[in-house]
Protein backbone atom coordinates (compact mmCIF):
# COMPACT_ATOMS: atom_id res chain seq x y z
CA MET A 1 0.00 0.00 0.00
CA ASP A 2 1.47 3.35 -1.04
CA LEU A 3 1.07 6.79 0.55
CA GLY A 4 -2.04 7.67 -1.47
CA GLU A 5 -3.80 4.44 -0.57
CA ARG A 6 -2.98 4.82 3.13
CA LEU A 7 -4.16 8.43 3.13
CA GLN A 8 -7.42 7.50 1.43
CA SER A 9 -8.01 4.60 3.81
CA LEU A 10 -7.39 6.67 6.94
CA ARG A 11 -9.53 9.53 5.63
CA LYS A 12 -12.47 7.24 4.92
CA ARG A 13 -12.16 5.60 8.34
CA ARG A 14 -12.52 9.07 9.87
CA GLY A 15 -15.67 9.64 7.82
CA LEU A 16 -14.24 12.61 5.91
CA THR A 17 -14.76 13.51 2.29
CA GLN A 18 -11.80 14.87 0.36
CA ARG A 19 -13.25 18.37 0.53
CA GLU A 20 -13.82 18.17 4.30
CA PHE A 21 -10.32 16.80 4.79
CA ALA A 22 -8.85 19.64 2.73
CA GLU A 23 -10.69 22.25 4.80
CA LEU A 24 -9.60 20.73 8.12
CA SER A 25 -5.96 20.20 7.14
CA GLY A 26 -5.50 23.48 5.29
CA VAL A 27 -4.10 21.67 2.24
CA SER A 28 -5.57 22.24 -1.20
CA LEU A 29 -8.19 19.81 -2.44
CA SER A 30 -6.42 19.30 -5.77
CA TYR A 31 -3.18 18.34 -4.01
CA ILE A 32 -4.96 15.80 -1.80
CA ARG A 33 -6.63 14.28 -4.86
CA LYS A 34 -3.30 13.96 -6.64
CA ILE A 35 -1.72 12.22 -3.64
CA GLU A 36 -4.60 9.76 -3.30
CA GLN A 37 -4.54 9.04 -7.03
CA GLY A 38 -0.80 8.34 -6.89
CA GLU A 39 0.14 11.31 -9.07
CA ARG A 40 2.17 13.00 -6.31
CA ASN A 41 4.50 11.30 -3.85
CA ASP A 42 6.72 14.22 -2.90
CA ALA A 43 4.85 15.82 0.01
CA ARG A 44 6.99 17.71 2.52
CA ILE A 45 7.16 16.38 6.04
CA ASP A 46 5.22 19.34 7.46
CA THR A 47 2.37 18.66 5.02
CA LEU A 48 2.31 14.98 5.95
CA ARG A 49 2.26 15.91 9.62
CA ARG A 50 -0.77 18.14 8.98
CA PHE A 51 -2.51 15.12 7.52
CA ALA A 52 -1.61 13.03 10.58
CA VAL A 53 -2.85 15.70 13.00
CA THR A 54 -6.14 16.03 11.10
CA LEU A 55 -6.61 12.27 10.99
CA GLY A 56 -5.61 11.81 14.64
CA CYS A 57 -2.94 9.22 13.84
CA SER A 58 0.81 8.96 14.03
CA LEU A 59 2.88 9.93 11.03
CA THR A 60 4.30 6.41 11.02
CA ALA A 61 0.81 5.04 10.34
CA LEU A 62 0.55 7.36 7.34
CA LEU A 63 4.04 6.72 5.96
CA GLY A 64 4.01 2.96 6.44
CA PRO A 65 6.55 0.66 8.09
CA ALA A 66 9.48 1.37 5.77
CA PRO A 67 9.30 4.83 4.21
CA SER A 68 11.99 5.54 1.67
CA ALA A 69 14.11 8.67 1.51
CA PRO A 70 15.80 9.56 -1.78
CA GLU A 71 19.54 9.89 -1.98
CA SER A 72 20.88 13.34 -2.68
CA GLY A 73 22.72 13.69 -5.94
CA GLY A 74 24.76 16.64 -4.68
CA ASP A 75 28.51 16.07 -4.97
CA SER A 76 28.07 12.29 -5.07
CA GLU A 77 31.24 11.93 -7.16
CA LEU A 78 33.16 13.88 -4.54
CA TRP A 79 32.34 11.18 -1.98
CA LYS A 80 32.87 8.16 -4.25
CA PRO A 81 36.34 7.35 -2.82
CA THR A 82 34.83 7.43 0.68
CA ARG A 83 32.04 5.06 -0.34
CA ASP A 84 34.56 2.76 -2.00
CA ALA A 85 36.72 2.74 1.13
CA LEU A 86 33.70 1.79 3.23
CA ALA A 87 32.75 -1.03 0.88
CA ALA A 88 36.31 -2.40 1.01
CA MET A 89 36.58 -2.43 4.80
CA ARG A 90 35.73 -6.09 5.11
CA ASP A 91 38.83 -6.88 3.01
CA SER A 92 41.42 -5.57 5.44
CA THR A 93 44.65 -5.33 3.48
CA THR A 94 47.41 -2.86 4.24
CA GLU A 95 50.77 -2.47 5.30
CA GLU A 96 51.93 -2.43 8.88
CA PRO A 97 49.65 -1.44 11.74
CA MET A 98 49.25 2.26 12.25
CA PRO A 99 50.06 3.57 15.74
CA ALA A 100 46.87 4.56 17.53
CA GLY A 101 48.15 8.07 18.17
CA GLY A 102 48.52 8.78 14.45
CA VAL A 103 44.97 7.68 13.62
CA GLU A 104 43.54 9.60 16.58
CA ALA A 105 45.32 12.78 15.52
CA ALA A 106 44.03 12.39 11.95
CA LEU A 107 40.55 11.72 13.34
CA ALA A 108 40.65 14.93 15.39
CA ASP A 109 41.71 16.88 12.28
CA GLY A 110 38.91 15.32 10.23
CA THR A 111 36.35 16.13 12.89
CA ARG A 112 37.41 19.77 12.87
CA LEU A 113 36.98 19.83 9.10
CA TYR A 114 33.48 18.42 9.54
CA HIS A 115 32.41 20.98 12.12
CA ASP A 116 33.99 23.80 10.11
CA ASN A 117 31.84 22.73 7.12
CA ARG A 118 34.92 22.04 5.00
CA TYR A 119 33.38 19.07 3.26
CA GLU A 120 35.56 19.08 0.17
CA ALA A 121 38.70 18.83 2.28
CA LEU A 122 37.07 16.16 4.44
CA ALA A 123 36.15 14.13 1.36
CA HIS A 124 39.85 13.91 0.50
CA VAL A 125 40.86 12.93 4.05
CA LEU A 126 38.27 10.26 4.86
CA PRO A 127 39.29 7.48 2.41
CA ARG A 128 42.81 7.27 3.80
CA LEU A 129 41.53 7.61 7.37
CA ILE A 130 39.14 4.69 6.83
CA GLU A 131 41.96 2.56 5.44
CA ASP A 132 44.18 3.37 8.42
CA ALA A 133 41.33 2.64 10.84
CA GLN A 134 41.13 -0.96 9.61
CA VAL A 135 44.26 -1.80 11.58
CA ALA A 136 43.47 0.44 14.55
CA SER A 137 41.66 -0.62 17.71
CA PRO A 138 37.90 -1.26 17.45
CA LEU A 139 37.20 1.82 19.59
CA VAL A 140 39.20 4.15 17.33
CA ARG A 141 37.70 2.52 14.25
CA SER A 142 34.22 3.06 15.69
CA ARG A 143 34.92 6.77 16.07
CA VAL A 144 36.31 7.06 12.55
CA LEU A 145 33.21 5.37 11.19
CA GLN A 146 30.95 7.64 13.23
CA LEU A 147 32.64 10.66 11.66
CA THR A 148 32.22 9.06 8.24
CA GLY A 149 28.57 8.28 8.90
CA SER A 150 27.91 11.85 10.02
CA ALA A 151 29.45 13.23 6.83
CA MET A 152 27.40 10.82 4.74
CA VAL A 153 24.15 11.80 6.46
CA GLN A 154 24.96 15.49 6.13
CA THR A 155 25.51 15.11 2.38
CA ARG A 156 22.59 12.66 1.98
CA GLN A 157 24.66 9.63 0.99
CA LEU A 158 22.26 7.55 3.03
CA SER A 159 23.22 4.00 2.05
CA ALA A 160 26.86 4.71 2.82
CA ALA A 161 25.84 6.35 6.09
CA ARG A 162 23.95 3.23 7.19
CA MET A 163 26.94 1.04 6.35
CA ALA A 164 29.32 3.23 8.35
CA LEU A 165 27.08 3.66 11.39
CA ASP A 166 26.10 -0.01 11.67
CA ARG A 167 29.79 -0.93 11.67
CA SER A 168 30.58 1.88 14.13
CA LEU A 169 27.96 0.62 16.58
CA ALA A 170 29.16 -2.98 16.26
CA ASP A 171 32.80 -2.00 16.90
CA ALA A 172 31.88 0.12 19.92
CA GLU A 173 29.73 -2.62 21.44
CA SER A 174 32.52 -5.16 20.95
CA THR A 175 34.70 -3.12 23.30
CA GLY A 176 32.04 -2.89 26.01
CA ASN A 177 32.24 0.93 25.89
CA VAL A 178 28.59 1.81 26.34
CA LEU A 179 29.08 5.58 25.94
CA ASP A 180 30.81 5.26 22.56
CA ALA A 181 28.13 2.81 21.46
CA ALA A 182 25.44 5.27 22.56
CA SER A 183 27.27 8.02 20.67
CA ALA A 184 27.03 5.95 17.48
CA VAL A 185 23.32 5.44 18.22
CA ILE A 186 22.83 9.22 18.43
CA THR A 187 24.14 9.62 14.89
CA LEU A 188 22.20 6.56 13.72
CA CYS A 189 19.01 8.16 15.08
CA TRP A 190 19.77 11.26 13.00
CA LEU A 191 19.98 9.05 9.90
CA LEU A 192 16.68 7.38 10.75
CA ILE A 193 14.98 10.76 11.19
CA VAL A 194 16.17 11.77 7.72
CA GLU A 195 14.74 8.47 6.45
CA ARG A 196 11.43 9.26 8.24
CA GLN A 197 11.65 6.13 10.38
CA PHE A 198 10.34 7.94 13.43
CA ASP A 199 9.02 4.92 15.29
CA ALA A 200 12.42 3.21 15.03
CA VAL A 201 14.11 6.33 16.39
CA ARG A 202 11.76 6.49 19.37
CA ARG A 203 12.41 2.86 20.27
CA LEU A 204 16.17 3.08 19.77
CA ALA A 205 16.60 6.37 21.63
CA THR A 206 14.45 5.22 24.55
CA GLU A 207 16.25 1.90 24.85
CA TRP A 208 19.69 3.47 24.91
CA ALA A 209 18.66 6.36 27.15
CA ASP A 210 17.54 3.75 29.69
CA ARG A 211 20.89 1.98 29.39
CA VAL A 212 23.01 5.07 30.02
CA GLU A 213 20.69 7.06 32.32
CA PRO A 214 22.98 8.82 34.82
CA ARG A 215 22.61 9.89 38.43
CA LEU A 216 22.70 13.62 37.82
CA SER A 217 24.28 14.41 41.18
CA VAL A 218 27.42 12.35 40.49
CA ALA A 219 27.45 11.78 36.72
CA THR A 220 30.24 13.02 34.49
CA THR A 221 29.66 15.61 31.80
CA ARG A 222 30.05 12.98 29.10
CA GLU A 223 27.47 10.67 30.69
CA ILE A 224 24.89 13.45 31.02
CA SER A 225 25.53 14.74 27.51
CA THR A 226 25.22 11.31 25.90
CA TRP A 227 21.95 10.68 27.73
CA GLY A 228 20.67 14.17 26.88
CA TRP A 229 21.35 13.81 23.17
CA LEU A 230 19.51 10.48 23.07
CA LEU A 231 16.51 12.22 24.61
CA LEU A 232 16.73 15.06 22.08
CA ARG A 233 16.74 12.57 19.21
CA GLY A 234 13.75 10.77 20.70
CA SER A 235 11.89 14.04 21.18
CA ALA A 236 12.59 15.09 17.58
CA ALA A 237 11.17 11.81 16.31
CA ALA A 238 8.13 11.94 18.60
CA ILE A 239 7.07 15.46 17.61
CA ARG A 240 7.36 14.53 13.93
CA ASP A 241 5.35 11.38 14.56
CA ASN A 242 2.51 13.48 16.04
CA ARG A 243 3.21 12.38 19.62
CA PRO A 244 3.53 15.82 21.28
CA ASP A 245 3.16 14.62 24.89
CA GLU A 246 5.95 12.10 24.49
CA ALA A 247 8.13 14.73 22.82
CA ASP A 248 7.55 17.17 25.69
CA ASP A 249 8.42 14.55 28.30
CA MET A 250 11.75 13.77 26.64
CA MET A 251 12.51 17.45 26.21
CA ARG A 252 11.89 18.13 29.91
CA LEU A 253 14.28 15.35 30.92
CA ALA A 254 16.92 16.66 28.51
CA ALA A 255 16.54 20.16 29.96
CA ALA A 256 17.08 18.80 33.47
CA GLY A 257 20.25 17.08 32.32
CA ALA A 258 21.53 20.19 30.55
CA VAL A 259 21.24 22.22 33.74
CA ALA A 260 23.33 19.59 35.55
CA VAL A 261 26.19 19.85 33.04
CA ARG A 262 29.04 21.51 34.84
CA ARG A 263 30.66 23.30 31.93
CA GLU A 264 28.96 25.85 29.68
CA GLN A 265 29.77 23.83 26.57
CA ALA A 266 30.49 20.16 27.01
CA PRO A 267 31.08 17.55 24.30
CA TYR A 268 29.05 14.37 24.56
CA HIS A 269 32.35 12.80 23.77
CA GLN A 270 35.68 14.33 22.98
CA TYR A 271 35.15 14.57 19.22
CA TRP A 272 31.67 15.94 18.90
CA THR A 273 29.22 18.69 19.57
CA THR A 274 27.91 20.44 22.67
CA PHE A 275 25.11 19.73 25.09
CA ASP A 276 23.99 22.57 27.32
CA PRO A 277 20.86 24.64 28.11
CA PRO A 278 21.10 26.73 24.89
CA THR A 279 21.26 23.51 22.85
CA VAL A 280 18.06 22.24 24.48
CA ALA A 281 16.44 25.65 23.94
CA MET A 282 17.25 25.48 20.23
CA LYS A 283 15.67 22.02 20.02
CA ARG A 284 12.54 23.39 21.70
CA VAL A 285 12.32 25.92 18.87
CA GLU A 286 12.67 23.11 16.33
CA ASN A 287 9.85 21.16 17.96
CA ALA A 288 7.60 24.23 17.95
CA VAL A 289 8.24 24.74 14.23
CA VAL A 290 7.48 21.09 13.47
CA ALA A 291 4.28 21.37 15.54
CA ASP A 292 3.24 24.34 13.37
CA ARG A 293 3.48 26.84 16.22
CA PRO A 294 5.65 29.60 14.73
CA ASP A 295 4.51 32.08 17.38
CA ILE A 296 5.92 29.92 20.16
CA ALA A 297 9.06 29.19 18.14
CA LEU A 298 9.85 32.89 17.65
CA ARG A 299 9.17 33.66 21.30
CA LEU A 300 11.52 30.89 22.43
CA ALA A 301 14.17 31.94 19.91
CA ARG A 302 14.27 35.48 21.30
CA ASP A 303 15.42 34.10 24.66
CA ILE A 304 18.43 32.24 23.23
CA ALA A 305 21.71 34.12 23.59
CA PRO A 306 23.86 34.50 20.45
CA ASP A 307 26.25 31.60 20.01
CA PRO A 308 29.94 32.53 19.90
CA ARG A 309 30.45 29.90 17.16
CA PRO A 310 28.11 30.87 14.32
CA THR A 311 29.23 28.02 12.08
CA SER A 312 28.26 25.19 14.45
CA ASP A 313 25.83 22.77 12.83
CA ASN A 314 23.35 23.04 15.70
CA ARG A 315 23.29 26.83 15.52
CA ASN A 316 22.91 26.69 11.74
CA ARG A 317 19.99 24.29 11.97
CA HIS A 318 18.42 26.49 14.64
CA LEU A 319 18.64 29.50 12.34
CA LEU A 320 16.85 27.56 9.61
CA ASP A 321 14.10 26.76 12.10
CA VAL A 322 13.80 30.46 12.97
CA ALA A 323 13.64 31.29 9.26
CA SER A 324 10.87 28.72 8.83
CA ALA A 325 8.93 30.27 11.72
CA HIS A 326 9.29 33.74 10.18
CA LEU A 327 8.06 32.39 6.87
CA LYS A 328 4.97 30.84 8.44
CA VAL A 329 3.96 34.24 9.85
CA ARG A 330 4.83 35.91 6.51
CA HIS A 331 7.99 37.69 7.65
CA TYR A 332 9.60 37.03 4.29
CA ASP A 333 12.38 39.60 4.60
CA ALA A 334 13.46 38.24 7.99
CA ALA A 335 13.52 34.68 6.67
CA PHE A 336 15.57 35.67 3.63
CA GLU A 337 18.03 37.63 5.77
CA ILE A 338 18.73 34.49 7.81
CA LEU A 339 19.37 32.48 4.64
CA THR A 340 21.70 35.21 3.40
CA THR A 341 23.61 35.18 6.69
CA LEU A 342 24.02 31.42 6.53
CA SER A 343 25.22 31.64 2.94
CA ARG A 344 28.05 33.87 4.15
CA GLU A 345 28.96 32.04 7.35
CA ALA A 346 28.24 28.38 6.55
CA ARG A 347 27.96 28.09 2.79
CA PRO A 348 29.09 24.45 2.34
CA TRP A 349 26.69 23.37 5.08
CA LEU A 350 23.78 25.38 3.66
CA VAL A 351 24.20 23.89 0.18
CA GLU A 352 23.43 20.43 1.57
CA GLN A 353 20.20 21.44 3.33
CA ARG A 354 16.99 20.50 1.57
CA MET A 355 15.15 22.61 4.14
CA ALA A 356 17.02 25.71 2.93
CA ARG A 357 15.94 25.02 -0.66
CA ASP A 358 12.34 24.59 0.44
CA LEU A 359 12.39 27.85 2.39
CA LEU A 360 13.94 29.85 -0.43
CA GLY A 361 11.52 28.35 -2.94
CA ARG A 362 8.58 29.46 -0.81
CA ILE A 363 10.06 32.94 -0.37
CA ILE A 364 10.62 33.65 -4.04
CA ALA A 365 7.30 32.06 -5.02
CA LYS A 366 5.63 35.03 -3.32
CA ARG A 367 7.54 37.55 -5.42
CA ARG A 368 7.02 38.76 -8.96
CA THR A 369 10.67 39.72 -9.32
CA LEU A 370 13.92 38.47 -7.83
CA THR A 371 16.72 40.62 -6.51
CA VAL A 372 20.32 39.92 -7.43
CA GLU A 373 20.84 38.38 -3.98
CA MET A 374 17.87 36.06 -4.42
CA ARG A 375 19.08 34.88 -7.81
CA GLU A 376 22.56 34.25 -6.45
CA LEU A 377 21.25 32.32 -3.46
CA ALA A 378 18.92 30.28 -5.67
CA GLY A 379 21.90 29.35 -7.82
CA LEU A 380 23.97 28.45 -4.77
CA LEU A 381 21.26 26.16 -3.41
CA ARG A 382 20.64 24.60 -6.84
CA LEU A 383 17.02 25.68 -6.67
CA GLU A 384 15.11 24.69 -9.79
CA TYR A 385 13.32 27.82 -10.89
CA TYR A 386 13.46 27.35 -14.62
CA ALA A 387 10.80 29.97 -15.30
CA ALA A 388 12.97 32.70 -13.84
CA GLN A 389 15.86 31.64 -16.03
CA ARG A 390 13.65 31.49 -19.13
CA LEU A 391 12.32 34.99 -18.55
CA ARG A 392 15.60 36.61 -17.59
CA SER A 393 15.74 38.62 -20.83
CA VAL A 394 12.30 40.15 -20.29
CA THR A 395 13.45 42.79 -17.84
CA SER A 396 17.23 42.76 -18.01
CA GLY A 397 17.21 46.09 -19.83
CA ASP A 398 14.53 47.82 -17.78
CA HIS A 399 14.93 46.65 -14.22
CA PRO A 400 18.55 45.73 -13.46
CA GLY A 401 18.79 43.13 -10.73
CA LYS A 402 15.22 41.90 -11.03
CA VAL A 403 13.64 39.16 -13.05
CA PRO A 404 10.10 37.75 -13.09
CA LEU A 405 9.95 34.50 -11.15
CA SER A 406 7.35 32.61 -13.11
CA THR A 407 4.34 32.80 -15.30
CA PRO A 408 0.89 32.61 -13.70
CA SER A 409 -0.30 29.11 -12.90
CA ASP A 410 -3.56 27.68 -14.20
CA ASP A 411 -5.48 28.61 -11.06
CA VAL A 412 -4.06 32.08 -10.35
CA LYS A 413 -5.21 35.32 -12.00
CA LEU A 414 -3.03 38.38 -11.58
CA ASP A 415 -4.23 41.92 -12.21
CA ALA A 416 -1.23 44.21 -12.39
CA ALA A 417 -0.76 47.84 -13.35
CA SER A 418 1.64 48.16 -16.23
CA PRO A 419 3.34 51.52 -16.63
CA PRO A 420 5.32 52.14 -19.78
CA GLY A 421 8.37 53.53 -17.99
CA GLU A 422 11.01 55.46 -19.82
CA ASN A 423 9.95 54.08 -23.20
CA ALA A 424 6.61 55.89 -23.06
CA SER A 425 5.76 58.48 -25.62
CA ALA A 426 5.16 62.08 -24.61
CA ALA A 427 1.43 61.37 -24.42
CA GLY A 428 2.08 58.47 -22.07
CA ALA A 429 0.84 55.73 -24.38
CA TYR A 430 2.50 52.36 -24.53
CA PRO A 431 4.37 52.25 -27.86
CA GLY A 432 4.19 48.48 -28.33
CA PRO A 433 7.00 45.94 -28.14
CA SER A 434 10.33 46.94 -29.59
CA PRO A 435 11.40 44.99 -32.67
CA GLU A 436 14.72 44.12 -31.01
CA ARG A 437 13.08 42.35 -28.07
CA GLY A 438 10.05 40.96 -29.90
CA SER A 439 6.50 40.47 -28.77
CA ILE A 440 5.98 39.95 -25.07
CA TYR A 441 4.00 36.81 -25.91
CA ALA A 442 6.86 35.44 -27.92
CA ARG A 443 9.05 36.01 -24.86
CA LEU A 444 6.70 34.78 -22.15
CA GLY A 445 5.46 31.88 -24.19
CA ARG A 446 3.38 30.21 -21.48
CA HIS A 447 0.50 32.67 -20.92
CA ARG A 448 -2.96 31.62 -21.97
CA LEU A 449 -6.09 33.57 -22.75
CA GLY A 450 -8.14 34.23 -19.65
CA GLN A 451 -5.02 34.87 -17.53
CA ALA A 452 -3.53 38.16 -16.56
CA VAL A 453 -0.04 39.11 -17.63
CA ARG A 454 2.47 40.91 -15.50
CA HIS A 455 4.08 43.52 -17.74
CA PRO A 456 7.86 43.74 -17.24
CA LEU A 457 7.69 47.48 -16.55
CA ALA A 458 5.19 47.23 -13.69
CA HIS A 459 5.81 49.40 -10.62
CA ASN A 460 8.04 51.80 -12.53
CA ARG A 461 8.46 54.66 -10.11
CA PHE A 462 9.46 56.99 -12.94
CA ASN A 463 5.91 57.09 -14.30
CA PRO A 464 3.49 56.86 -11.36
CA SER A 465 0.60 58.31 -13.39
CA TYR A 466 0.26 55.24 -15.58
CA ARG A 467 -2.65 53.00 -14.60
CA GLY A 468 -3.11 50.77 -17.60
CA GLN A 469 -4.02 47.12 -17.12
CA ALA A 470 -2.01 44.33 -18.66
CA THR A 471 -4.89 41.89 -18.51
CA ILE A 472 -6.10 39.55 -21.21
CA SER A 473 -9.80 39.41 -20.32
CA ARG A 474 -12.00 36.51 -21.19
CA THR A 475 -13.97 38.79 -23.51
CA ALA A 476 -10.89 38.94 -25.70
CA ARG A 477 -11.64 35.41 -26.79
CA THR A 478 -14.85 36.47 -28.54
CA ASP A 479 -14.27 40.19 -29.11
CA PRO A 480 -10.72 40.81 -30.43
CA GLY A 481 -11.51 44.50 -30.77
CA ARG A 482 -11.47 44.85 -27.01
CA MET A 483 -8.12 43.16 -26.54
CA HIS A 484 -5.34 44.94 -24.69
CA PRO A 485 -2.53 46.52 -26.75
CA LEU A 486 -0.19 43.71 -25.67
CA LEU A 487 -2.21 41.59 -28.09
CA SER A 488 -3.34 44.33 -30.49
CA ARG A 489 -1.93 47.80 -31.06
CA SER A 490 -5.32 49.15 -32.10
CA GLU A 491 -5.91 50.46 -28.57
CA SER A 492 -3.67 51.97 -25.95
CA PRO A 493 -4.41 52.47 -22.25
CA THR A 494 -5.15 56.06 -21.44
CA PRO A 495 -2.95 57.65 -18.77
CA THR A 496 -4.56 59.54 -15.95
CA ALA A 497 -3.35 62.56 -14.13
CA ALA A 498 -1.02 61.91 -11.25
CA PRO A 499 -2.77 62.18 -7.89
């Protein structure tokens, strides 16, 4: 049974028609129909969670027992040597054993590259590090494979990530080091969240949190941090699986552990990230965004002090959550400013984030024109906005730095004022398309009768008196004499006096 069949079955069991379900979930009726008919299978996780909330079920019930997550094609060739090294690990060959100190030093260097978002450099280091780890101790090899698995998850090489993390967990367990094994589980839970296996994450995180639960009064920083991160992973899975009470319980326990950490920033083991009250606060913001409560998310975010390390992956992810909250309350400029900041401070990390592409796509979809910064960021994130690229020539001579995003869709009708700008005659009439640039319909290509057309010179502040309409009315189908000059030069819109 696929997603559409499960959605239809659950909807019918709740006694809802498609139209009623659309109204309750806030998702368009046409989109729901396409999902149920199997025409669309690319719904975002927040949309799927809306369905689950409306139907009163877990997201796991909607997604099925083994949801699939597509591999990312980004820079896959860059990581091919790393994948090959992982696949060859069972055939341990090499020279003489490497001293543990040398591998550990190389591991520390590789981890710094990872946290500094220097993925290209890391991709050149990891293959040799994996080869050297084959003759190192199981504990060191486990840590090397955890680093490798983290890099693979970050760059969406998910099959390779699973291979590395399964081996990392097995090596750590073979040594009896429960904290290193739990550390591998933390990264494995991240992979499972990306794969939308939320029920598996909840079970795994709960099981291991029980195994390593510390006595807060006497526990070490590493013990508390490991336990806390397992709870954060479990909470992240629970909130996505539409289990808010369970998510809140885990978050409260993690917050109690964070307060007990003795240092301001403490690694959950010596190679990795921090666990402290600000980290838990950032995860609370993430949960609020997932739960579709942007108001709470923004309020919580205001109470988080600025991080002294702006390129940390947790801080970066938190900023994306804040941008998402701004977008949900229609603070488009604030959301775009955050994306711009991340593009300056953590560009390699941002490029790998599907969430960043989704956010930017929703921002520019609300605009008729794109600024230079928006076009550059869209290119950086490999955002597919072919319409903007097709129409680039429409306004390149009239509005430097701006370009129409797209043509109107089949169900949207725009009604835009179209001033003639500097090309207007003395009387203010639109002179018709220039022979050099051709007809606007030859350039737009996709507009149909019955839809309005956004003229490329709209909002020209140099001619505020112009109030012509660039609309192809439905009457134009039967009465060509009443067509707008964009289709026929027989008429021209009459300018009015400036107010």
